[in-house]
Amino acid sequence: MNRHLKVMLAILLVVTAVVVVLPSGYVAAGGMVTNQSFEEGDGTVPDGWETAGNATRVDTGPIYEGSWAAQIADGGGALGQWVYLGNSTLGLPITYNMWGWIYASGNVTGEITLDFWGGTNITQVSPTEYLSASDTNGTYVEVTQQLSAPTAATWARIRLMGSGWENGGEVRFDEIGFYPVTGYCFIATAAYGTETAGQLNILREFRDQVLLKSALGSRFVDAYYRLSPPVADFISRSDFLRAAVRTLLEPVVSVLQWSQGLWAP
């Protein structure tokens, strides 16, 4: 079997493994930021975001990426989104990367805030973290931070706002991101009960060396991280499902190990 056939077979098995364990009722559950670049919406109202005050979606410059950005002008206003993380039955703390691009003028400070919520009554279970940028000199700047979610967290709340308002000032936001750190694999971790199982290393390496290096593979990984938290939660509740997923993953891991010399650097 030549190199290309082996790589294609490995890709097919990985995709099949993930698709098979997706219960149909969870397909629309999501997991990470919805409409992170504000490209989807009805006029000035962005899909997936709650808006308050004068917060709006605009298609006039400056825009960092695409054709739209979020704007708050002349004080007041905010955008918010709740991100479902799963029901925390894995019992493992998960680290997330949070980032976004901010444009701020007129001495205004643009702020992206994030906090984690959970419990029976859905109360805040972490301090509020701030990513901010002030007077960005006519351009967008990226702000990033790594955050660890408490094991009790089932939701993350993201808010976009401004402070220190002066007449004529505005803040804009684009490409808001909230994803687990690169090494995390929700479904496989649920199946093996730990994120340090040896089988996960080959899956991570294949993702990084093959899937993330193509546009189609990157879209697949993006969809996986959006969909997989509730799926992993569903799997982790059942010893039978955990065993079934491990059985499904074993041939995938074997094929990846068999073909590793062809796709690994």
C-alpha atoms as a PDB file:
ATOM      1  CA  MET A   1       0.000   0.000   0.000  1.00  0.00           C
ATOM      2  CA  ASN A   2       1.536   3.344  -1.021  1.00  0.00           C
ATOM      3  CA  ARG A   3       2.040   6.343   1.245  1.00  0.00           C
ATOM      4  CA  HIS A   4      -1.008   8.315   0.072  1.00  0.00           C
ATOM      5  CA  LEU A   5      -3.398   5.405   0.556  1.00  0.00           C
ATOM      6  CA  LYS A   6      -2.123   4.827   4.087  1.00  0.00           C
ATOM      7  CA  VAL A   7      -2.558   8.491   5.029  1.00  0.00           C
ATOM      8  CA  MET A   8      -6.050   8.607   3.484  1.00  0.00           C
ATOM      9  CA  LEU A   9      -7.028   5.438   5.357  1.00  0.00           C
ATOM     10  CA  ALA A  10      -5.793   6.937   8.620  1.00  0.00           C
ATOM     11  CA  ILE A  11      -7.790  10.135   8.034  1.00  0.00           C
ATOM     12  CA  LEU A  12     -10.904   8.139   7.152  1.00  0.00           C
ATOM     13  CA  LEU A  13     -10.675   6.051  10.318  1.00  0.00           C
ATOM     14  CA  VAL A  14     -10.179   9.086  12.561  1.00  0.00           C
ATOM     15  CA  VAL A  15     -13.141  10.928  11.029  1.00  0.00           C
ATOM     16  CA  THR A  16     -15.303   7.796  11.185  1.00  0.00           C
ATOM     17  CA  ALA A  17     -14.394   7.200  14.830  1.00  0.00           C
ATOM     18  CA  VAL A  18     -15.524  10.657  15.876  1.00  0.00           C
ATOM     19  CA  VAL A  19     -18.641  10.734  13.696  1.00  0.00           C
ATOM     20  CA  VAL A  20     -19.843   7.327  14.929  1.00  0.00           C
ATOM     21  CA  VAL A  21     -19.796   8.428  18.577  1.00  0.00           C
ATOM     22  CA  LEU A  22     -21.813  11.603  17.938  1.00  0.00           C
ATOM     23  CA  PRO A  23     -25.398  10.985  19.135  1.00  0.00           C
ATOM     24  CA  SER A  24     -27.729  12.815  16.753  1.00  0.00           C
ATOM     25  CA  GLY A  25     -29.339  14.792  19.566  1.00  0.00           C
ATOM     26  CA  TYR A  26     -26.004  16.453  20.373  1.00  0.00           C
ATOM     27  CA  VAL A  27     -25.112  17.663  16.879  1.00  0.00           C
ATOM     28  CA  ALA A  28     -26.442  21.174  17.471  1.00  0.00           C
ATOM     29  CA  ALA A  29     -25.286  21.442  21.077  1.00  0.00           C
ATOM     30  CA  GLY A  30     -22.141  23.392  20.244  1.00  0.00           C
ATOM     31  CA  GLY A  31     -19.346  23.886  22.682  1.00  0.00           C
ATOM     32  CA  MET A  32     -17.172  26.901  21.875  1.00  0.00           C
ATOM     33  CA  VAL A  33     -17.819  30.454  20.653  1.00  0.00           C
ATOM     34  CA  THR A  34     -20.683  30.825  18.201  1.00  0.00           C
ATOM     35  CA  ASN A  35     -20.243  33.365  15.399  1.00  0.00           C
ATOM     36  CA  GLN A  36     -16.823  34.360  16.719  1.00  0.00           C
ATOM     37  CA  SER A  37     -16.141  36.694  13.778  1.00  0.00           C
ATOM     38  CA  PHE A  38     -19.652  38.252  13.664  1.00  0.00           C
ATOM     39  CA  GLU A  39     -20.081  37.259  10.017  1.00  0.00           C
ATOM     40  CA  GLU A  40     -23.528  35.777  10.667  1.00  0.00           C
ATOM     41  CA  GLY A  41     -26.518  37.870  11.623  1.00  0.00           C
ATOM     42  CA  ASP A  42     -29.578  39.827  10.638  1.00  0.00           C
ATOM     43  CA  GLY A  43     -28.382  43.300   9.756  1.00  0.00           C
ATOM     44  CA  THR A  44     -26.814  44.876  12.816  1.00  0.00           C
ATOM     45  CA  VAL A  45     -27.762  41.993  15.142  1.00  0.00           C
ATOM     46  CA  PRO A  46     -25.095  39.237  15.377  1.00  0.00           C
ATOM     47  CA  ASP A  47     -26.278  35.648  15.657  1.00  0.00           C
ATOM     48  CA  GLY A  48     -25.349  33.890  18.885  1.00  0.00           C
ATOM     49  CA  TRP A  49     -24.653  37.070  20.864  1.00  0.00           C
ATOM     50  CA  GLU A  50     -26.839  38.947  23.335  1.00  0.00           C
ATOM     51  CA  THR A  51     -26.560  42.715  22.851  1.00  0.00           C
ATOM     52  CA  ALA A  52     -27.283  45.577  25.242  1.00  0.00           C
ATOM     53  CA  GLY A  53     -27.257  49.348  24.842  1.00  0.00           C
ATOM     54  CA  ASN A  54     -25.664  50.561  21.624  1.00  0.00           C
ATOM     55  CA  ALA A  55     -23.684  47.383  20.904  1.00  0.00           C
ATOM     56  CA  THR A  56     -24.092  46.453  17.255  1.00  0.00           C
ATOM     57  CA  ARG A  57     -22.679  44.562  14.303  1.00  0.00           C
ATOM     58  CA  VAL A  58     -21.074  46.742  11.606  1.00  0.00           C
ATOM     59  CA  ASP A  59     -19.744  46.185   8.098  1.00  0.00           C
ATOM     60  CA  THR A  60     -17.747  49.419   7.841  1.00  0.00           C
ATOM     61  CA  GLY A  61     -14.054  49.708   8.665  1.00  0.00           C
ATOM     62  CA  PRO A  62     -11.947  49.164  10.530  1.00  0.00           C
ATOM     63  CA  ILE A  63     -12.536  45.405  10.485  1.00  0.00           C
ATOM     64  CA  TYR A  64      -9.860  42.887  11.375  1.00  0.00           C
ATOM     65  CA  GLU A  65     -11.052  39.870   9.386  1.00  0.00           C
ATOM     66  CA  GLY A  66     -13.943  39.212   7.013  1.00  0.00           C
ATOM     67  CA  SER A  67     -16.728  41.737   6.426  1.00  0.00           C
ATOM     68  CA  TRP A  68     -18.149  42.386   9.897  1.00  0.00           C
ATOM     69  CA  ALA A  69     -17.073  43.332  13.424  1.00  0.00           C
ATOM     70  CA  ALA A  70     -18.809  44.158  16.716  1.00  0.00           C
ATOM     71  CA  GLN A  71     -18.901  47.822  17.763  1.00  0.00           C
ATOM     72  CA  ILE A  72     -19.702  49.730  20.959  1.00  0.00           C
ATOM     73  CA  ALA A  73     -19.670  53.533  20.673  1.00  0.00           C
ATOM     74  CA  ASP A  74     -19.926  56.502  23.015  1.00  0.00           C
ATOM     75  CA  GLY A  75     -20.321  54.589  26.250  1.00  0.00           C
ATOM     76  CA  GLY A  76     -22.704  51.906  27.386  1.00  0.00           C
ATOM     77  CA  GLY A  77     -23.444  48.737  25.517  1.00  0.00           C
ATOM     78  CA  ALA A  78     -22.130  45.205  25.747  1.00  0.00           C
ATOM     79  CA  LEU A  79     -22.241  41.869  23.952  1.00  0.00           C
ATOM     80  CA  GLY A  80     -22.437  38.545  25.735  1.00  0.00           C
ATOM     81  CA  GLN A  81     -22.509  34.823  25.068  1.00  0.00           C
ATOM     82  CA  TRP A  82     -22.892  31.726  27.237  1.00  0.00           C
ATOM     83  CA  VAL A  83     -20.747  28.753  26.172  1.00  0.00           C
ATOM     84  CA  TYR A  84     -21.760  25.271  27.283  1.00  0.00           C
ATOM     85  CA  LEU A  85     -18.836  23.193  28.575  1.00  0.00           C
ATOM     86  CA  GLY A  86     -20.559  19.952  29.543  1.00  0.00           C
ATOM     87  CA  ASN A  87     -21.768  18.604  32.894  1.00  0.00           C
ATOM     88  CA  SER A  88     -18.316  18.141  34.436  1.00  0.00           C
ATOM     89  CA  THR A  89     -18.721  14.380  34.940  1.00  0.00           C
ATOM     90  CA  LEU A  90     -15.164  13.868  33.692  1.00  0.00           C
ATOM     91  CA  GLY A  91     -13.918  15.317  36.986  1.00  0.00           C
ATOM     92  CA  LEU A  92     -10.860  16.809  35.283  1.00  0.00           C
ATOM     93  CA  PRO A  93      -9.846  20.487  35.284  1.00  0.00           C
ATOM     94  CA  ILE A  94      -9.632  21.748  31.701  1.00  0.00           C
ATOM     95  CA  THR A  95      -7.423  24.595  30.548  1.00  0.00           C
ATOM     96  CA  TYR A  96      -8.734  26.926  27.838  1.00  0.00           C
ATOM     97  CA  ASN A  97      -7.128  29.523  25.641  1.00  0.00           C
ATOM     98  CA  MET A  98      -9.124  32.754  25.394  1.00  0.00           C
ATOM     99  CA  TRP A  99      -8.328  35.386  22.783  1.00  0.00           C
ATOM    100  CA  GLY A 100      -9.761  38.182  20.703  1.00  0.00           C
ATOM    101  CA  TRP A 101      -8.867  41.196  18.585  1.00  0.00           C
ATOM    102  CA  ILE A 102      -9.662  44.648  19.970  1.00  0.00           C
ATOM    103  CA  TYR A 103      -9.730  48.074  18.317  1.00  0.00           C
ATOM    104  CA  ALA A 104     -10.022  51.016  20.763  1.00  0.00           C
ATOM    105  CA  SER A 105      -9.952  54.758  20.121  1.00  0.00           C
ATOM    106  CA  GLY A 106     -10.363  57.951  22.147  1.00  0.00           C
ATOM    107  CA  ASN A 107      -8.625  56.600  25.282  1.00  0.00           C
ATOM    108  CA  VAL A 108     -11.337  53.972  25.651  1.00  0.00           C
ATOM    109  CA  THR A 109     -10.366  50.527  26.950  1.00  0.00           C
ATOM    110  CA  GLY A 110     -11.857  47.524  25.179  1.00  0.00           C
ATOM    111  CA  GLU A 111     -12.478  44.578  27.498  1.00  0.00           C
ATOM    112  CA  ILE A 112     -13.173  40.895  26.957  1.00  0.00           C
ATOM    113  CA  THR A 113     -14.228  39.249  30.207  1.00  0.00           C
ATOM    114  CA  LEU A 114     -14.708  35.589  31.020  1.00  0.00           C
ATOM    115  CA  ASP A 115     -15.948  33.729  34.068  1.00  0.00           C
ATOM    116  CA  PHE A 116     -17.052  30.160  34.748  1.00  0.00           C
ATOM    117  CA  TRP A 117     -20.452  29.119  36.118  1.00  0.00           C
ATOM    118  CA  GLY A 118     -21.871  25.863  37.436  1.00  0.00           C
ATOM    119  CA  GLY A 119     -23.770  24.088  40.171  1.00  0.00           C
ATOM    120  CA  THR A 120     -27.457  23.272  40.537  1.00  0.00           C
ATOM    121  CA  ASN A 121     -28.479  26.930  40.480  1.00  0.00           C
ATOM    122  CA  ILE A 122     -25.831  27.968  37.904  1.00  0.00           C
ATOM    123  CA  THR A 123     -23.790  30.366  40.014  1.00  0.00           C
ATOM    124  CA  GLN A 124     -20.403  31.891  39.320  1.00  0.00           C
ATOM    125  CA  VAL A 125     -17.600  29.504  40.345  1.00  0.00           C
ATOM    126  CA  SER A 126     -14.522  31.515  39.335  1.00  0.00           C
ATOM    127  CA  PRO A 127     -13.272  35.100  39.448  1.00  0.00           C
ATOM    128  CA  THR A 128     -13.918  37.230  36.371  1.00  0.00           C
ATOM    129  CA  GLU A 129     -10.844  37.442  34.149  1.00  0.00           C
ATOM    130  CA  TYR A 130     -10.164  40.487  31.940  1.00  0.00           C
ATOM    131  CA  LEU A 131      -8.419  40.774  28.591  1.00  0.00           C
ATOM    132  CA  SER A 132      -8.109  44.421  27.595  1.00  0.00           C
ATOM    133  CA  ALA A 133      -6.485  46.925  25.246  1.00  0.00           C
ATOM    134  CA  SER A 134      -6.532  50.743  25.257  1.00  0.00           C
ATOM    135  CA  ASP A 135      -6.106  53.276  22.408  1.00  0.00           C
ATOM    136  CA  THR A 136      -4.738  50.805  19.870  1.00  0.00           C
ATOM    137  CA  ASN A 137      -3.389  53.475  17.469  1.00  0.00           C
ATOM    138  CA  GLY A 138      -5.819  52.854  14.637  1.00  0.00           C
ATOM    139  CA  THR A 139      -5.374  49.102  14.406  1.00  0.00           C
ATOM    140  CA  TYR A 140      -6.531  45.863  16.000  1.00  0.00           C
ATOM    141  CA  VAL A 141      -4.398  44.179  18.657  1.00  0.00           C
ATOM    142  CA  GLU A 142      -4.705  40.604  19.851  1.00  0.00           C
ATOM    143  CA  VAL A 143      -5.208  39.847  23.530  1.00  0.00           C
ATOM    144  CA  THR A 144      -4.801  36.314  24.869  1.00  0.00           C
ATOM    145  CA  GLN A 145      -4.950  34.486  28.163  1.00  0.00           C
ATOM    146  CA  GLN A 146      -4.934  30.881  29.369  1.00  0.00           C
ATOM    147  CA  LEU A 147      -7.599  29.977  31.911  1.00  0.00           C
ATOM    148  CA  SER A 148      -8.274  26.881  33.967  1.00  0.00           C
ATOM    149  CA  ALA A 149     -11.928  25.970  34.486  1.00  0.00           C
ATOM    150  CA  PRO A 150     -12.945  24.621  37.902  1.00  0.00           C
ATOM    151  CA  THR A 151     -14.180  21.034  37.758  1.00  0.00           C
ATOM    152  CA  ALA A 152     -17.634  22.304  38.770  1.00  0.00           C
ATOM    153  CA  ALA A 153     -17.883  24.579  35.721  1.00  0.00           C
ATOM    154  CA  THR A 154     -20.579  23.747  33.189  1.00  0.00           C
ATOM    155  CA  TRP A 155     -20.805  27.142  31.457  1.00  0.00           C
ATOM    156  CA  ALA A 156     -18.478  29.981  30.526  1.00  0.00           C
ATOM    157  CA  ARG A 157     -19.767  33.547  30.172  1.00  0.00           C
ATOM    158  CA  ILE A 158     -18.014  35.825  27.685  1.00  0.00           C
ATOM    159  CA  ARG A 159     -18.706  39.561  27.621  1.00  0.00           C
ATOM    160  CA  LEU A 160     -17.404  42.320  25.359  1.00  0.00           C
ATOM    161  CA  MET A 161     -17.516  45.901  26.648  1.00  0.00           C
ATOM    162  CA  GLY A 162     -15.618  49.155  27.082  1.00  0.00           C
ATOM    163  CA  SER A 163     -14.597  51.493  29.901  1.00  0.00           C
ATOM    164  CA  GLY A 164     -13.133  54.972  30.315  1.00  0.00           C
ATOM    165  CA  TRP A 165     -15.443  56.502  27.764  1.00  0.00           C
ATOM    166  CA  GLU A 166     -14.830  59.883  26.152  1.00  0.00           C
ATOM    167  CA  ASN A 167     -16.828  61.652  23.455  1.00  0.00           C
ATOM    168  CA  GLY A 168     -16.100  60.161  20.049  1.00  0.00           C
ATOM    169  CA  GLY A 169     -14.463  57.004  21.399  1.00  0.00           C
ATOM    170  CA  GLU A 170     -15.377  53.505  20.286  1.00  0.00           C
ATOM    171  CA  VAL A 171     -14.298  49.895  20.702  1.00  0.00           C
ATOM    172  CA  ARG A 172     -14.561  47.080  18.199  1.00  0.00           C
ATOM    173  CA  PHE A 173     -14.093  43.356  18.560  1.00  0.00           C
ATOM    174  CA  ASP A 174     -13.352  40.599  16.053  1.00  0.00           C
ATOM    175  CA  GLU A 175     -12.325  36.932  15.993  1.00  0.00           C
ATOM    176  CA  ILE A 176     -13.240  36.042  19.570  1.00  0.00           C
ATOM    177  CA  GLY A 177     -11.887  32.612  20.486  1.00  0.00           C
ATOM    178  CA  PHE A 178     -12.348  30.224  23.407  1.00  0.00           C
ATOM    179  CA  TYR A 179     -10.982  26.713  22.902  1.00  0.00           C
ATOM    180  CA  PRO A 180      -9.366  24.015  25.037  1.00  0.00           C
ATOM    181  CA  VAL A 181      -5.593  23.950  24.891  1.00  0.00           C
ATOM    182  CA  THR A 182      -4.163  22.099  21.906  1.00  0.00           C
ATOM    183  CA  GLY A 183      -3.473  18.878  23.757  1.00  0.00           C
ATOM    184  CA  TYR A 184      -6.986  18.176  24.973  1.00  0.00           C
ATOM    185  CA  CYS A 185      -9.203  15.522  23.381  1.00  0.00           C
ATOM    186  CA  PHE A 186     -12.637  15.409  25.000  1.00  0.00           C
ATOM    187  CA  ILE A 187     -14.094  12.182  23.617  1.00  0.00           C
ATOM    188  CA  ALA A 188     -10.945  10.076  23.899  1.00  0.00           C
ATOM    189  CA  THR A 189     -10.305  11.438  27.393  1.00  0.00           C
ATOM    190  CA  ALA A 190     -13.846  10.456  28.385  1.00  0.00           C
ATOM    191  CA  ALA A 191     -13.258   6.964  26.996  1.00  0.00           C
ATOM    192  CA  TYR A 192      -9.947   6.383  28.773  1.00  0.00           C
ATOM    193  CA  GLY A 193     -10.795   8.350  31.930  1.00  0.00           C
ATOM    194  CA  THR A 194      -7.594  10.389  31.807  1.00  0.00           C
ATOM    195  CA  GLU A 195      -5.915  12.875  29.467  1.00  0.00           C
ATOM    196  CA  THR A 196      -2.531  11.167  29.876  1.00  0.00           C
ATOM    197  CA  ALA A 197      -3.397   7.776  28.343  1.00  0.00           C
ATOM    198  CA  GLY A 198      -0.704   6.698  25.872  1.00  0.00           C
ATOM    199  CA  GLN A 199      -3.272   6.183  23.109  1.00  0.00           C
ATOM    200  CA  LEU A 200      -4.060   9.918  23.147  1.00  0.00           C
ATOM    201  CA  ASN A 201      -0.527  10.892  22.137  1.00  0.00           C
ATOM    202  CA  ILE A 202      -0.783   9.395  18.643  1.00  0.00           C
ATOM    203  CA  LEU A 203      -4.222  10.978  18.122  1.00  0.00           C
ATOM    204  CA  ARG A 204      -2.889  14.403  19.138  1.00  0.00           C
ATOM    205  CA  GLU A 205       0.162  14.031  16.919  1.00  0.00           C
ATOM    206  CA  PHE A 206      -1.955  13.072  13.893  1.00  0.00           C
ATOM    207  CA  ARG A 207      -4.222  16.046  14.510  1.00  0.00           C
ATOM    208  CA  ASP A 208      -1.284  18.459  14.739  1.00  0.00           C
ATOM    209  CA  GLN A 209       0.804  17.016  11.896  1.00  0.00           C
ATOM    210  CA  VAL A 210      -1.930  16.148   9.379  1.00  0.00           C
ATOM    211  CA  LEU A 211      -5.384  17.546  10.121  1.00  0.00           C
ATOM    212  CA  LEU A 212      -4.361  21.058  11.204  1.00  0.00           C
ATOM    213  CA  LYS A 213      -2.133  21.499   8.168  1.00  0.00           C
ATOM    214  CA  SER A 214      -5.015  21.538   5.694  1.00  0.00           C
ATOM    215  CA  ALA A 215      -8.095  23.768   5.427  1.00  0.00           C
ATOM    216  CA  LEU A 216     -10.485  20.794   5.469  1.00  0.00           C
ATOM    217  CA  GLY A 217      -8.723  19.168   8.402  1.00  0.00           C
ATOM    218  CA  SER A 218      -8.734  22.436  10.361  1.00  0.00           C
ATOM    219  CA  ARG A 219     -12.481  22.785   9.836  1.00  0.00           C
ATOM    220  CA  PHE A 220     -12.959  19.226  11.062  1.00  0.00           C
ATOM    221  CA  VAL A 221     -10.923  19.922  14.226  1.00  0.00           C
ATOM    222  CA  ASP A 222     -12.849  23.156  14.772  1.00  0.00           C
ATOM    223  CA  ALA A 223     -16.162  21.282  14.526  1.00  0.00           C
ATOM    224  CA  TYR A 224     -14.864  18.573  16.849  1.00  0.00           C
ATOM    225  CA  TYR A 225     -14.042  21.046  19.613  1.00  0.00           C
ATOM    226  CA  ARG A 226     -17.425  22.716  19.210  1.00  0.00           C
ATOM    227  CA  LEU A 227     -19.396  19.486  19.373  1.00  0.00           C
ATOM    228  CA  SER A 228     -17.394  17.188  21.592  1.00  0.00           C
ATOM    229  CA  PRO A 229     -17.854  18.529  25.182  1.00  0.00           C
ATOM    230  CA  PRO A 230     -21.490  17.398  25.530  1.00  0.00           C
ATOM    231  CA  VAL A 231     -20.697  14.182  23.654  1.00  0.00           C
ATOM    232  CA  ALA A 232     -17.822  13.414  26.015  1.00  0.00           C
ATOM    233  CA  ASP A 233     -20.106  14.123  28.955  1.00  0.00           C
ATOM    234  CA  PHE A 234     -22.695  11.715  27.521  1.00  0.00           C
ATOM    235  CA  ILE A 235     -20.051   8.991  27.052  1.00  0.00           C
ATOM    236  CA  SER A 236     -18.432   9.437  30.461  1.00  0.00           C
ATOM    237  CA  ARG A 237     -21.677   8.581  32.263  1.00  0.00           C
ATOM    238  CA  SER A 238     -21.720   5.017  30.961  1.00  0.00           C
ATOM    239  CA  ASP A 239     -19.088   2.317  31.458  1.00  0.00           C
ATOM    240  CA  PHE A 240     -20.562   0.531  28.447  1.00  0.00           C
ATOM    241  CA  LEU A 241     -20.151   3.568  26.163  1.00  0.00           C
ATOM    242  CA  ARG A 242     -16.643   4.243  27.454  1.00  0.00           C
ATOM    243  CA  ALA A 243     -15.680   0.663  26.648  1.00  0.00           C
ATOM    244  CA  ALA A 244     -17.373   0.855  23.244  1.00  0.00           C
ATOM    245  CA  VAL A 245     -15.500   4.028  22.311  1.00  0.00           C
ATOM    246  CA  ARG A 246     -12.194   2.505  23.462  1.00  0.00           C
ATOM    247  CA  THR A 247     -12.939  -0.503  21.249  1.00  0.00           C
ATOM    248  CA  LEU A 248     -13.653   1.831  18.339  1.00  0.00           C
ATOM    249  CA  LEU A 249     -10.508   3.862  18.902  1.00  0.00           C
ATOM    250  CA  GLU A 250      -8.106   0.915  19.208  1.00  0.00           C
ATOM    251  CA  PRO A 251      -7.987   0.122  15.443  1.00  0.00           C
ATOM    252  CA  VAL A 252      -7.662   3.846  14.719  1.00  0.00           C
ATOM    253  CA  VAL A 253      -4.678   4.066  17.064  1.00  0.00           C
ATOM    254  CA  SER A 254      -3.186   0.928  15.489  1.00  0.00           C
ATOM    255  CA  VAL A 255      -3.489   2.289  11.950  1.00  0.00           C
ATOM    256  CA  LEU A 256      -1.984   5.621  12.991  1.00  0.00           C
ATOM    257  CA  GLN A 257       0.949   3.836  14.628  1.00  0.00           C
ATOM    258  CA  TRP A 258       1.363   1.649  11.533  1.00  0.00           C
ATOM    259  CA  SER A 259       1.429   4.661   9.190  1.00  0.00           C
ATOM    260  CA  GLN A 260       3.242   7.091  11.500  1.00  0.00           C
ATOM    261  CA  GLY A 261       6.459   6.935   9.530  1.00  0.00           C
ATOM    262  CA  LEU A 262       4.636   8.300   6.473  1.00  0.00           C
ATOM    263  CA  TRP A 263       2.932  11.360   7.973  1.00  0.00           C
ATOM    264  CA  ALA A 264       5.002  12.246  11.044  1.00  0.00           C
ATOM    265  CA  PRO A 265       7.986  14.607  10.579  1.00  0.00           C
END
